[in-house]
N, C-alpha and C. Protein backbone atom coordinates (compact mmCIF):
# COMPACT_ATOMS: atom_id res chain seq x y z
N MET A 1 -10.74 -11.92 -10.54
CA MET A 1 -9.73 -11.53 -9.58
C MET A 1 -10.29 -10.42 -8.69
N ALA A 2 -10.11 -10.57 -7.39
CA ALA A 2 -10.58 -9.56 -6.44
C ALA A 2 -9.78 -8.27 -6.61
N GLN A 3 -10.45 -7.18 -6.44
CA GLN A 3 -9.80 -5.87 -6.51
C GLN A 3 -9.81 -5.29 -5.09
N ASP A 4 -9.09 -5.94 -4.18
CA ASP A 4 -9.12 -5.60 -2.76
C ASP A 4 -8.52 -4.24 -2.45
N ILE A 5 -7.44 -3.90 -3.11
CA ILE A 5 -6.77 -2.62 -2.87
C ILE A 5 -7.32 -1.64 -3.90
N GLN A 6 -7.94 -0.58 -3.40
CA GLN A 6 -8.61 0.39 -4.27
C GLN A 6 -8.19 1.79 -3.87
N VAL A 7 -7.69 2.56 -4.83
CA VAL A 7 -7.21 3.91 -4.56
C VAL A 7 -7.68 4.85 -5.65
N SER A 8 -8.08 6.04 -5.25
CA SER A 8 -8.40 7.11 -6.17
C SER A 8 -7.24 8.09 -6.15
N TYR A 9 -6.66 8.35 -7.34
CA TYR A 9 -5.50 9.24 -7.44
C TYR A 9 -5.48 9.87 -8.82
N GLN A 10 -4.48 10.67 -9.09
CA GLN A 10 -4.36 11.34 -10.38
C GLN A 10 -4.28 10.32 -11.51
N PRO A 11 -5.01 10.54 -12.60
CA PRO A 11 -4.94 9.61 -13.74
C PRO A 11 -3.54 9.56 -14.36
N GLY A 12 -3.21 8.40 -14.91
CA GLY A 12 -1.98 8.24 -15.67
C GLY A 12 -0.71 8.05 -14.86
N LYS A 13 -0.83 7.77 -13.59
CA LYS A 13 0.35 7.57 -12.74
C LYS A 13 0.65 6.09 -12.60
N THR A 14 1.84 5.76 -12.13
CA THR A 14 2.22 4.39 -11.82
C THR A 14 2.18 4.24 -10.30
N LEU A 15 1.27 3.39 -9.81
CA LEU A 15 1.12 3.18 -8.38
C LEU A 15 1.46 1.74 -8.02
N TYR A 16 1.95 1.56 -6.81
CA TYR A 16 2.20 0.22 -6.29
C TYR A 16 1.93 0.22 -4.79
N ALA A 17 1.67 -0.96 -4.24
CA ALA A 17 1.37 -1.10 -2.81
C ALA A 17 2.42 -1.98 -2.15
N ILE A 18 2.76 -1.61 -0.92
CA ILE A 18 3.62 -2.40 -0.06
C ILE A 18 2.73 -2.93 1.07
N VAL A 19 2.80 -4.22 1.37
CA VAL A 19 2.01 -4.82 2.44
C VAL A 19 2.94 -5.14 3.60
N LEU A 20 2.58 -4.64 4.80
CA LEU A 20 3.37 -4.84 6.00
C LEU A 20 2.58 -5.62 7.04
N ASN A 21 3.24 -6.55 7.72
CA ASN A 21 2.56 -7.27 8.80
C ASN A 21 2.67 -6.46 10.09
N SER A 22 2.11 -7.00 11.19
CA SER A 22 2.08 -6.25 12.44
C SER A 22 3.48 -6.05 13.04
N ALA A 23 4.46 -6.81 12.60
CA ALA A 23 5.84 -6.64 13.05
C ALA A 23 6.59 -5.61 12.20
N GLY A 24 5.90 -5.03 11.19
CA GLY A 24 6.54 -4.04 10.31
C GLY A 24 7.38 -4.65 9.22
N GLN A 25 7.21 -5.95 8.98
CA GLN A 25 7.94 -6.62 7.90
C GLN A 25 7.17 -6.48 6.59
N ALA A 26 7.89 -6.38 5.48
CA ALA A 26 7.29 -6.22 4.16
C ALA A 26 7.16 -7.56 3.44
N TRP A 27 6.07 -7.72 2.71
CA TRP A 27 5.81 -8.93 1.92
C TRP A 27 6.64 -8.87 0.64
N THR A 28 7.42 -9.93 0.38
CA THR A 28 8.30 -9.98 -0.79
C THR A 28 7.67 -10.69 -1.99
N GLY A 29 6.50 -11.26 -1.78
CA GLY A 29 5.88 -12.07 -2.82
C GLY A 29 5.85 -13.53 -2.42
N TYR A 30 6.67 -13.87 -1.43
CA TYR A 30 6.70 -15.26 -0.94
C TYR A 30 6.92 -15.34 0.57
N ALA A 31 7.38 -14.25 1.21
CA ALA A 31 7.63 -14.24 2.66
C ALA A 31 7.69 -12.79 3.15
N PHE A 32 7.63 -12.62 4.47
CA PHE A 32 7.83 -11.30 5.07
C PHE A 32 9.28 -11.17 5.50
N GLU A 33 9.82 -9.95 5.35
CA GLU A 33 11.17 -9.68 5.82
C GLU A 33 11.25 -8.25 6.31
N ALA A 34 12.24 -7.97 7.15
CA ALA A 34 12.48 -6.60 7.58
C ALA A 34 12.80 -5.77 6.33
N PRO A 35 12.10 -4.65 6.12
CA PRO A 35 12.34 -3.87 4.91
C PRO A 35 13.75 -3.30 4.84
N VAL A 36 14.34 -3.42 3.66
CA VAL A 36 15.63 -2.79 3.37
C VAL A 36 15.49 -2.10 2.02
N THR A 37 16.12 -0.96 1.89
CA THR A 37 15.96 -0.17 0.66
C THR A 37 16.43 -0.92 -0.57
N GLY A 38 17.45 -1.76 -0.47
CA GLY A 38 17.96 -2.51 -1.62
C GLY A 38 16.99 -3.53 -2.17
N ASP A 39 16.00 -3.95 -1.36
CA ASP A 39 15.00 -4.93 -1.80
C ASP A 39 13.66 -4.28 -2.12
N TRP A 40 13.62 -2.94 -2.15
CA TRP A 40 12.35 -2.21 -2.26
C TRP A 40 11.49 -2.69 -3.43
N ALA A 41 12.08 -2.90 -4.58
CA ALA A 41 11.29 -3.30 -5.76
C ALA A 41 10.61 -4.65 -5.54
N SER A 42 11.18 -5.52 -4.70
CA SER A 42 10.56 -6.84 -4.47
C SER A 42 9.31 -6.74 -3.60
N TYR A 43 9.11 -5.61 -2.91
CA TYR A 43 7.92 -5.42 -2.07
C TYR A 43 6.75 -4.83 -2.85
N ALA A 44 7.02 -4.28 -4.02
CA ALA A 44 6.02 -3.52 -4.78
C ALA A 44 5.01 -4.43 -5.47
N ASN A 45 3.73 -4.18 -5.21
CA ASN A 45 2.62 -4.85 -5.89
C ASN A 45 1.95 -3.81 -6.77
N ALA A 46 2.05 -3.96 -8.09
CA ALA A 46 1.55 -2.96 -9.02
C ALA A 46 0.03 -2.83 -8.96
N LEU A 47 -0.45 -1.60 -9.02
CA LEU A 47 -1.87 -1.33 -9.15
C LEU A 47 -2.15 -1.02 -10.62
N THR A 48 -3.34 -1.34 -11.07
CA THR A 48 -3.75 -1.10 -12.45
C THR A 48 -4.83 -0.04 -12.46
N GLU A 49 -4.68 0.95 -13.34
CA GLU A 49 -5.69 2.01 -13.46
C GLU A 49 -6.77 1.59 -14.44
N ALA A 50 -8.02 1.85 -14.08
CA ALA A 50 -9.11 1.75 -15.05
C ALA A 50 -8.88 2.94 -15.98
N THR A 51 -8.49 2.69 -17.19
CA THR A 51 -7.94 3.66 -18.14
C THR A 51 -8.53 5.07 -18.01
N GLY A 52 -7.62 6.00 -17.66
CA GLY A 52 -7.95 7.42 -17.62
C GLY A 52 -8.86 7.87 -16.50
N THR A 53 -9.23 6.98 -15.57
CA THR A 53 -10.21 7.34 -14.54
C THR A 53 -9.59 7.82 -13.24
N GLY A 54 -8.32 7.49 -13.00
CA GLY A 54 -7.72 7.79 -11.71
C GLY A 54 -8.14 6.81 -10.63
N LEU A 55 -8.79 5.72 -11.02
CA LEU A 55 -9.17 4.65 -10.09
C LEU A 55 -8.21 3.50 -10.31
N TYR A 56 -7.51 3.10 -9.25
CA TYR A 56 -6.47 2.08 -9.32
C TYR A 56 -6.84 0.88 -8.47
N PHE A 57 -6.48 -0.32 -8.93
CA PHE A 57 -6.88 -1.55 -8.26
C PHE A 57 -5.76 -2.58 -8.25
N ALA A 58 -5.79 -3.43 -7.23
CA ALA A 58 -4.90 -4.59 -7.17
C ALA A 58 -5.51 -5.61 -6.21
N ALA A 59 -5.14 -6.84 -6.39
CA ALA A 59 -5.56 -7.89 -5.47
C ALA A 59 -4.61 -7.90 -4.27
N PHE A 60 -5.14 -8.20 -3.10
CA PHE A 60 -4.30 -8.41 -1.93
C PHE A 60 -3.49 -9.67 -2.20
N PRO A 61 -2.21 -9.71 -1.82
CA PRO A 61 -1.38 -10.88 -2.13
C PRO A 61 -1.95 -12.19 -1.57
N GLY A 62 -2.31 -13.08 -2.45
CA GLY A 62 -2.91 -14.36 -2.06
C GLY A 62 -1.95 -15.28 -1.32
N GLY A 63 -0.65 -15.03 -1.45
CA GLY A 63 0.33 -15.85 -0.75
C GLY A 63 0.35 -15.61 0.75
N ILE A 64 -0.28 -14.53 1.20
CA ILE A 64 -0.36 -14.25 2.63
C ILE A 64 -1.53 -15.07 3.17
N THR A 65 -1.24 -16.07 3.96
CA THR A 65 -2.28 -16.98 4.44
C THR A 65 -2.60 -16.80 5.92
N GLU A 66 -1.79 -16.02 6.62
CA GLU A 66 -2.02 -15.79 8.06
C GLU A 66 -3.07 -14.70 8.24
N PRO A 67 -4.20 -15.01 8.91
CA PRO A 67 -5.21 -13.98 9.16
C PRO A 67 -4.68 -12.88 10.07
N GLY A 68 -5.21 -11.69 9.91
CA GLY A 68 -4.84 -10.59 10.79
C GLY A 68 -4.86 -9.25 10.08
N PRO A 69 -4.51 -8.20 10.82
CA PRO A 69 -4.45 -6.87 10.21
C PRO A 69 -3.11 -6.67 9.50
N TYR A 70 -3.17 -6.04 8.34
CA TYR A 70 -1.97 -5.72 7.57
C TYR A 70 -2.06 -4.27 7.14
N ARG A 71 -0.94 -3.56 7.19
CA ARG A 71 -0.89 -2.18 6.70
C ARG A 71 -0.56 -2.23 5.22
N VAL A 72 -1.33 -1.50 4.43
CA VAL A 72 -1.10 -1.40 3.00
C VAL A 72 -0.75 0.06 2.71
N VAL A 73 0.43 0.28 2.16
CA VAL A 73 0.91 1.63 1.84
C VAL A 73 1.03 1.71 0.32
N VAL A 74 0.33 2.68 -0.27
CA VAL A 74 0.34 2.86 -1.72
C VAL A 74 1.22 4.04 -2.08
N TYR A 75 2.12 3.81 -3.03
CA TYR A 75 3.08 4.82 -3.48
C TYR A 75 2.84 5.18 -4.94
N ALA A 76 3.12 6.46 -5.27
CA ALA A 76 3.20 6.90 -6.66
C ALA A 76 4.68 6.81 -7.04
N GLN A 77 4.94 6.05 -8.09
CA GLN A 77 6.31 5.82 -8.54
C GLN A 77 6.81 7.04 -9.31
N ALA A 78 7.98 7.56 -8.91
CA ALA A 78 8.52 8.76 -9.54
C ALA A 78 9.37 8.45 -10.77
N GLY A 79 10.08 7.32 -10.76
CA GLY A 79 10.98 7.00 -11.86
C GLY A 79 10.62 5.70 -12.54
N GLY A 80 11.63 5.04 -13.09
CA GLY A 80 11.41 3.83 -13.86
C GLY A 80 11.19 2.58 -13.02
N SER A 81 11.50 2.63 -11.73
CA SER A 81 11.28 1.49 -10.86
C SER A 81 10.96 1.97 -9.45
N PRO A 82 10.34 1.13 -8.62
CA PRO A 82 10.02 1.54 -7.26
C PRO A 82 11.26 1.99 -6.50
N SER A 83 11.12 3.09 -5.74
CA SER A 83 12.25 3.65 -5.01
C SER A 83 11.77 4.19 -3.67
N TYR A 84 12.34 3.68 -2.60
CA TYR A 84 12.01 4.16 -1.26
C TYR A 84 12.30 5.66 -1.14
N ALA A 85 13.39 6.11 -1.71
CA ALA A 85 13.83 7.49 -1.55
C ALA A 85 13.04 8.49 -2.40
N ASN A 86 12.52 8.06 -3.56
CA ASN A 86 11.93 9.01 -4.49
C ASN A 86 10.42 8.94 -4.63
N ASP A 87 9.80 7.85 -4.22
CA ASP A 87 8.36 7.69 -4.43
C ASP A 87 7.57 8.32 -3.28
N THR A 88 6.32 8.70 -3.58
CA THR A 88 5.48 9.42 -2.64
C THR A 88 4.33 8.54 -2.17
N VAL A 89 4.08 8.53 -0.86
CA VAL A 89 2.91 7.83 -0.32
C VAL A 89 1.66 8.59 -0.73
N VAL A 90 0.68 7.89 -1.33
CA VAL A 90 -0.56 8.54 -1.74
C VAL A 90 -1.76 8.03 -0.95
N SER A 91 -1.61 6.89 -0.29
CA SER A 91 -2.70 6.34 0.52
C SER A 91 -2.13 5.25 1.41
N GLU A 92 -2.73 5.07 2.55
CA GLU A 92 -2.36 3.93 3.38
C GLU A 92 -3.54 3.57 4.26
N GLY A 93 -3.59 2.33 4.65
CA GLY A 93 -4.69 1.88 5.49
C GLY A 93 -4.43 0.51 6.05
N LEU A 94 -5.34 0.08 6.91
CA LEU A 94 -5.26 -1.24 7.49
C LEU A 94 -6.22 -2.17 6.77
N ALA A 95 -5.74 -3.35 6.44
CA ALA A 95 -6.58 -4.37 5.81
C ALA A 95 -6.73 -5.52 6.80
N GLN A 96 -7.96 -5.90 7.06
CA GLN A 96 -8.21 -7.06 7.92
C GLN A 96 -8.34 -8.28 7.01
N TRP A 97 -7.30 -9.11 7.01
CA TRP A 97 -7.20 -10.26 6.11
C TRP A 97 -7.67 -11.52 6.84
N THR A 98 -8.49 -12.32 6.19
CA THR A 98 -9.00 -13.56 6.81
C THR A 98 -8.08 -14.74 6.54
N GLY A 99 -7.11 -14.57 5.66
CA GLY A 99 -6.27 -15.67 5.21
C GLY A 99 -6.65 -16.08 3.80
N ALA A 100 -7.87 -15.67 3.39
CA ALA A 100 -8.35 -15.98 2.05
C ALA A 100 -9.03 -14.80 1.38
N GLY A 101 -9.29 -13.74 2.13
CA GLY A 101 -9.97 -12.58 1.58
C GLY A 101 -9.96 -11.44 2.58
N LEU A 102 -10.29 -10.25 2.09
CA LEU A 102 -10.34 -9.08 2.95
C LEU A 102 -11.71 -8.93 3.57
N VAL A 103 -11.72 -8.44 4.80
CA VAL A 103 -12.97 -8.09 5.45
C VAL A 103 -13.45 -6.77 4.89
N THR A 104 -12.51 -5.83 4.61
CA THR A 104 -12.85 -4.52 4.06
C THR A 104 -11.88 -4.14 2.96
N ALA A 105 -12.30 -3.25 2.09
CA ALA A 105 -11.42 -2.74 1.04
C ALA A 105 -10.41 -1.78 1.64
N VAL A 106 -9.32 -1.53 0.94
CA VAL A 106 -8.25 -0.67 1.44
C VAL A 106 -8.06 0.51 0.49
N GLY A 107 -7.89 1.69 1.05
CA GLY A 107 -7.61 2.88 0.27
C GLY A 107 -8.86 3.47 -0.34
N GLY A 108 -8.68 4.47 -1.18
CA GLY A 108 -9.79 5.11 -1.86
C GLY A 108 -10.89 5.50 -0.89
N PHE A 109 -12.10 4.94 -1.07
CA PHE A 109 -13.23 5.28 -0.24
C PHE A 109 -13.69 4.09 0.60
N GLY A 110 -12.85 3.05 0.71
CA GLY A 110 -13.21 1.88 1.50
C GLY A 110 -13.17 2.16 2.99
N THR A 111 -13.58 1.18 3.79
CA THR A 111 -13.52 1.32 5.23
C THR A 111 -12.31 0.57 5.73
N GLY A 112 -11.98 0.76 7.00
CA GLY A 112 -10.84 0.09 7.58
C GLY A 112 -9.52 0.71 7.17
N GLN A 113 -9.56 1.92 6.67
CA GLN A 113 -8.35 2.57 6.18
C GLN A 113 -7.87 3.62 7.15
N ASP A 114 -6.70 4.11 6.93
CA ASP A 114 -6.17 5.21 7.71
C ASP A 114 -7.12 6.39 7.47
N PRO A 115 -7.70 6.98 8.52
CA PRO A 115 -8.71 8.02 8.32
C PRO A 115 -8.26 9.20 7.49
N ALA A 116 -6.96 9.54 7.50
CA ALA A 116 -6.50 10.69 6.72
C ALA A 116 -6.74 10.49 5.24
N SER A 117 -6.79 9.24 4.77
CA SER A 117 -7.02 9.01 3.34
C SER A 117 -8.42 9.43 2.93
N GLN A 118 -9.31 9.61 3.90
CA GLN A 118 -10.65 10.11 3.58
C GLN A 118 -10.59 11.51 3.00
N LEU A 119 -9.53 12.25 3.32
CA LEU A 119 -9.40 13.59 2.77
C LEU A 119 -9.40 13.57 1.25
N PHE A 120 -8.87 12.49 0.65
CA PHE A 120 -8.84 12.43 -0.80
C PHE A 120 -10.23 12.25 -1.40
N ALA A 121 -11.20 11.94 -0.55
CA ALA A 121 -12.59 11.88 -1.02
C ALA A 121 -13.14 13.29 -1.20
N ASN A 122 -12.47 14.28 -0.60
CA ASN A 122 -12.90 15.65 -0.69
C ASN A 122 -12.32 16.27 -1.96
N GLU A 123 -13.19 16.76 -2.84
CA GLU A 123 -12.77 17.28 -4.14
C GLU A 123 -11.78 18.44 -4.01
N ARG A 124 -12.01 19.33 -3.03
CA ARG A 124 -11.10 20.47 -2.87
C ARG A 124 -9.72 20.01 -2.42
N PHE A 125 -9.66 19.03 -1.51
CA PHE A 125 -8.35 18.54 -1.06
C PHE A 125 -7.64 17.83 -2.21
N ARG A 126 -8.36 17.03 -2.99
CA ARG A 126 -7.74 16.34 -4.13
C ARG A 126 -7.17 17.36 -5.11
N ALA A 127 -7.91 18.45 -5.35
CA ALA A 127 -7.44 19.48 -6.28
C ALA A 127 -6.17 20.14 -5.74
N MET A 128 -6.15 20.42 -4.43
CA MET A 128 -4.98 21.04 -3.83
C MET A 128 -3.79 20.06 -3.87
N ALA A 129 -4.02 18.79 -3.54
CA ALA A 129 -2.94 17.80 -3.57
C ALA A 129 -2.45 17.60 -5.00
N SER A 130 -3.36 17.66 -5.96
CA SER A 130 -3.00 17.50 -7.37
C SER A 130 -2.08 18.66 -7.81
N TYR A 131 -2.36 19.85 -7.31
CA TYR A 131 -1.56 21.02 -7.65
C TYR A 131 -0.10 20.82 -7.26
N VAL A 132 0.13 20.15 -6.13
CA VAL A 132 1.50 19.92 -5.67
C VAL A 132 1.94 18.48 -5.98
N ASP A 133 1.27 17.86 -6.94
CA ASP A 133 1.58 16.50 -7.38
C ASP A 133 1.46 15.49 -6.26
N GLY A 134 0.51 15.74 -5.34
CA GLY A 134 0.19 14.77 -4.30
C GLY A 134 1.26 14.55 -3.26
N LYS A 135 2.15 15.50 -3.06
CA LYS A 135 3.23 15.32 -2.09
C LYS A 135 2.72 15.68 -0.69
N TYR A 136 2.52 14.65 0.13
CA TYR A 136 2.10 14.88 1.50
C TYR A 136 2.63 13.74 2.36
N ALA A 137 2.62 13.97 3.65
CA ALA A 137 3.01 12.93 4.60
C ALA A 137 1.99 12.94 5.72
N TYR A 138 1.62 11.76 6.19
CA TYR A 138 0.68 11.66 7.31
C TYR A 138 1.27 10.72 8.35
N ASN A 139 1.32 11.17 9.59
CA ASN A 139 1.79 10.35 10.69
C ASN A 139 0.59 9.95 11.53
N PRO A 140 0.13 8.68 11.42
CA PRO A 140 -1.07 8.28 12.16
C PRO A 140 -0.88 8.30 13.67
N ALA A 141 0.37 8.20 14.15
CA ALA A 141 0.61 8.22 15.59
C ALA A 141 0.33 9.60 16.18
N THR A 142 0.63 10.65 15.42
CA THR A 142 0.44 12.01 15.92
C THR A 142 -0.78 12.70 15.31
N GLY A 143 -1.30 12.18 14.19
CA GLY A 143 -2.41 12.80 13.50
C GLY A 143 -2.00 14.01 12.68
N VAL A 144 -0.70 14.18 12.43
CA VAL A 144 -0.21 15.36 11.70
C VAL A 144 -0.12 15.03 10.20
N LEU A 145 -0.79 15.85 9.40
CA LEU A 145 -0.76 15.76 7.95
C LEU A 145 0.02 16.97 7.45
N THR A 146 1.04 16.74 6.61
CA THR A 146 1.86 17.82 6.07
C THR A 146 1.75 17.79 4.55
N LEU A 147 1.40 18.92 3.96
CA LEU A 147 1.29 19.05 2.50
C LEU A 147 2.51 19.85 2.03
N TYR A 148 3.24 19.29 1.04
CA TYR A 148 4.47 19.90 0.55
C TYR A 148 4.26 20.51 -0.84
N ASP A 149 5.10 21.48 -1.18
CA ASP A 149 5.12 22.06 -2.52
C ASP A 149 5.70 21.02 -3.48
N THR A 150 5.72 21.33 -4.76
CA THR A 150 6.16 20.38 -5.78
C THR A 150 7.61 19.95 -5.60
N ASP A 151 8.43 20.70 -4.83
CA ASP A 151 9.80 20.29 -4.59
C ASP A 151 9.89 19.15 -3.57
N GLY A 152 8.77 18.85 -2.90
CA GLY A 152 8.73 17.76 -1.93
C GLY A 152 9.36 18.11 -0.60
N ALA A 153 9.82 19.36 -0.42
CA ALA A 153 10.48 19.75 0.82
C ALA A 153 9.84 20.97 1.48
N THR A 154 9.36 21.92 0.67
CA THR A 154 8.77 23.14 1.21
C THR A 154 7.38 22.84 1.75
N VAL A 155 7.16 23.12 3.04
CA VAL A 155 5.88 22.86 3.68
C VAL A 155 4.89 23.96 3.31
N LEU A 156 3.75 23.56 2.74
CA LEU A 156 2.69 24.51 2.41
C LEU A 156 1.66 24.60 3.51
N LEU A 157 1.38 23.45 4.15
CA LEU A 157 0.28 23.37 5.11
C LEU A 157 0.54 22.23 6.07
N THR A 158 0.26 22.45 7.34
CA THR A 158 0.32 21.40 8.34
C THR A 158 -1.03 21.36 9.04
N ALA A 159 -1.59 20.17 9.18
CA ALA A 159 -2.87 20.01 9.88
C ALA A 159 -2.75 18.88 10.89
N THR A 160 -3.19 19.16 12.11
CA THR A 160 -3.28 18.12 13.12
C THR A 160 -4.73 17.70 13.17
N LEU A 161 -4.98 16.42 12.89
CA LEU A 161 -6.34 15.90 12.77
C LEU A 161 -6.66 14.97 13.93
N THR A 162 -7.88 15.08 14.43
CA THR A 162 -8.37 14.17 15.46
C THR A 162 -9.58 13.44 14.89
N PHE A 163 -9.61 12.11 15.07
CA PHE A 163 -10.66 11.28 14.52
C PHE A 163 -11.43 10.58 15.62
N ASP A 164 -12.71 10.32 15.38
CA ASP A 164 -13.48 9.49 16.31
C ASP A 164 -13.31 8.02 15.91
N SER A 165 -13.95 7.12 16.62
CA SER A 165 -13.76 5.68 16.38
C SER A 165 -14.27 5.23 15.03
N THR A 166 -15.12 6.03 14.37
CA THR A 166 -15.62 5.64 13.05
C THR A 166 -14.83 6.27 11.92
N GLY A 167 -13.77 7.05 12.26
CA GLY A 167 -12.91 7.64 11.24
C GLY A 167 -13.32 9.02 10.79
N ASN A 168 -14.33 9.63 11.45
CA ASN A 168 -14.72 10.99 11.09
C ASN A 168 -13.80 11.99 11.78
N ILE A 169 -13.46 13.06 11.08
CA ILE A 169 -12.62 14.11 11.67
C ILE A 169 -13.47 14.87 12.68
N THR A 170 -13.00 14.93 13.93
CA THR A 170 -13.75 15.62 14.98
C THR A 170 -13.11 16.96 15.36
N ALA A 171 -11.82 17.12 15.07
CA ALA A 171 -11.15 18.37 15.35
C ALA A 171 -9.94 18.49 14.42
N ARG A 172 -9.55 19.72 14.11
CA ARG A 172 -8.38 19.94 13.29
C ARG A 172 -7.77 21.30 13.63
N THR A 173 -6.47 21.33 13.59
CA THR A 173 -5.71 22.56 13.75
C THR A 173 -4.85 22.69 12.52
N VAL A 174 -5.03 23.78 11.77
CA VAL A 174 -4.34 23.96 10.50
C VAL A 174 -3.43 25.18 10.58
N SER A 175 -2.22 25.04 10.06
CA SER A 175 -1.33 26.18 9.97
C SER A 175 -0.68 26.19 8.60
N GLY A 176 -0.58 27.36 8.01
CA GLY A 176 0.07 27.51 6.72
C GLY A 176 1.53 27.87 6.90
N ALA A 177 2.30 27.69 5.87
CA ALA A 177 3.72 28.06 5.90
C ALA A 177 3.85 29.56 5.78
N GLY A 178 4.90 30.05 6.40
CA GLY A 178 5.24 31.47 6.27
C GLY A 178 4.23 32.33 6.88
């Protein structure tokens, strides 16, 4: 089985991925639909951890046969089941799907991903994110990355990131809270 979706995160967590098409519809396991919170659990594709390593894997949904780019958003599950309101985004990226396989891996240290996820490759950033249980938000449209305290609401750090075409950070503006 292909391990197309690859994410590095804190060991021992429950992670799942949501796959979105270019229209912003979520894959339910058999079709795409406009996402609704009541169907959230049907969008979740579980990732499996290589025991104790913090390396998580899943296959890209084989039922998706239309080639093209797909956004893959990986969440850390907070409770007993996937929840739009309570779970935290830990990685996201674009997957170029051929209809039968991925052109590039998604998340972790693969290519073709949202450039902000490269920050998790940095040991100091991972340690800082781990301290606050990985609570952060990244808006790819604005390049703003916000790191929250463990309450998920108090802003600890805001960074505006600029990337070049290869995904390298070329400029950043960082501000701390308070």
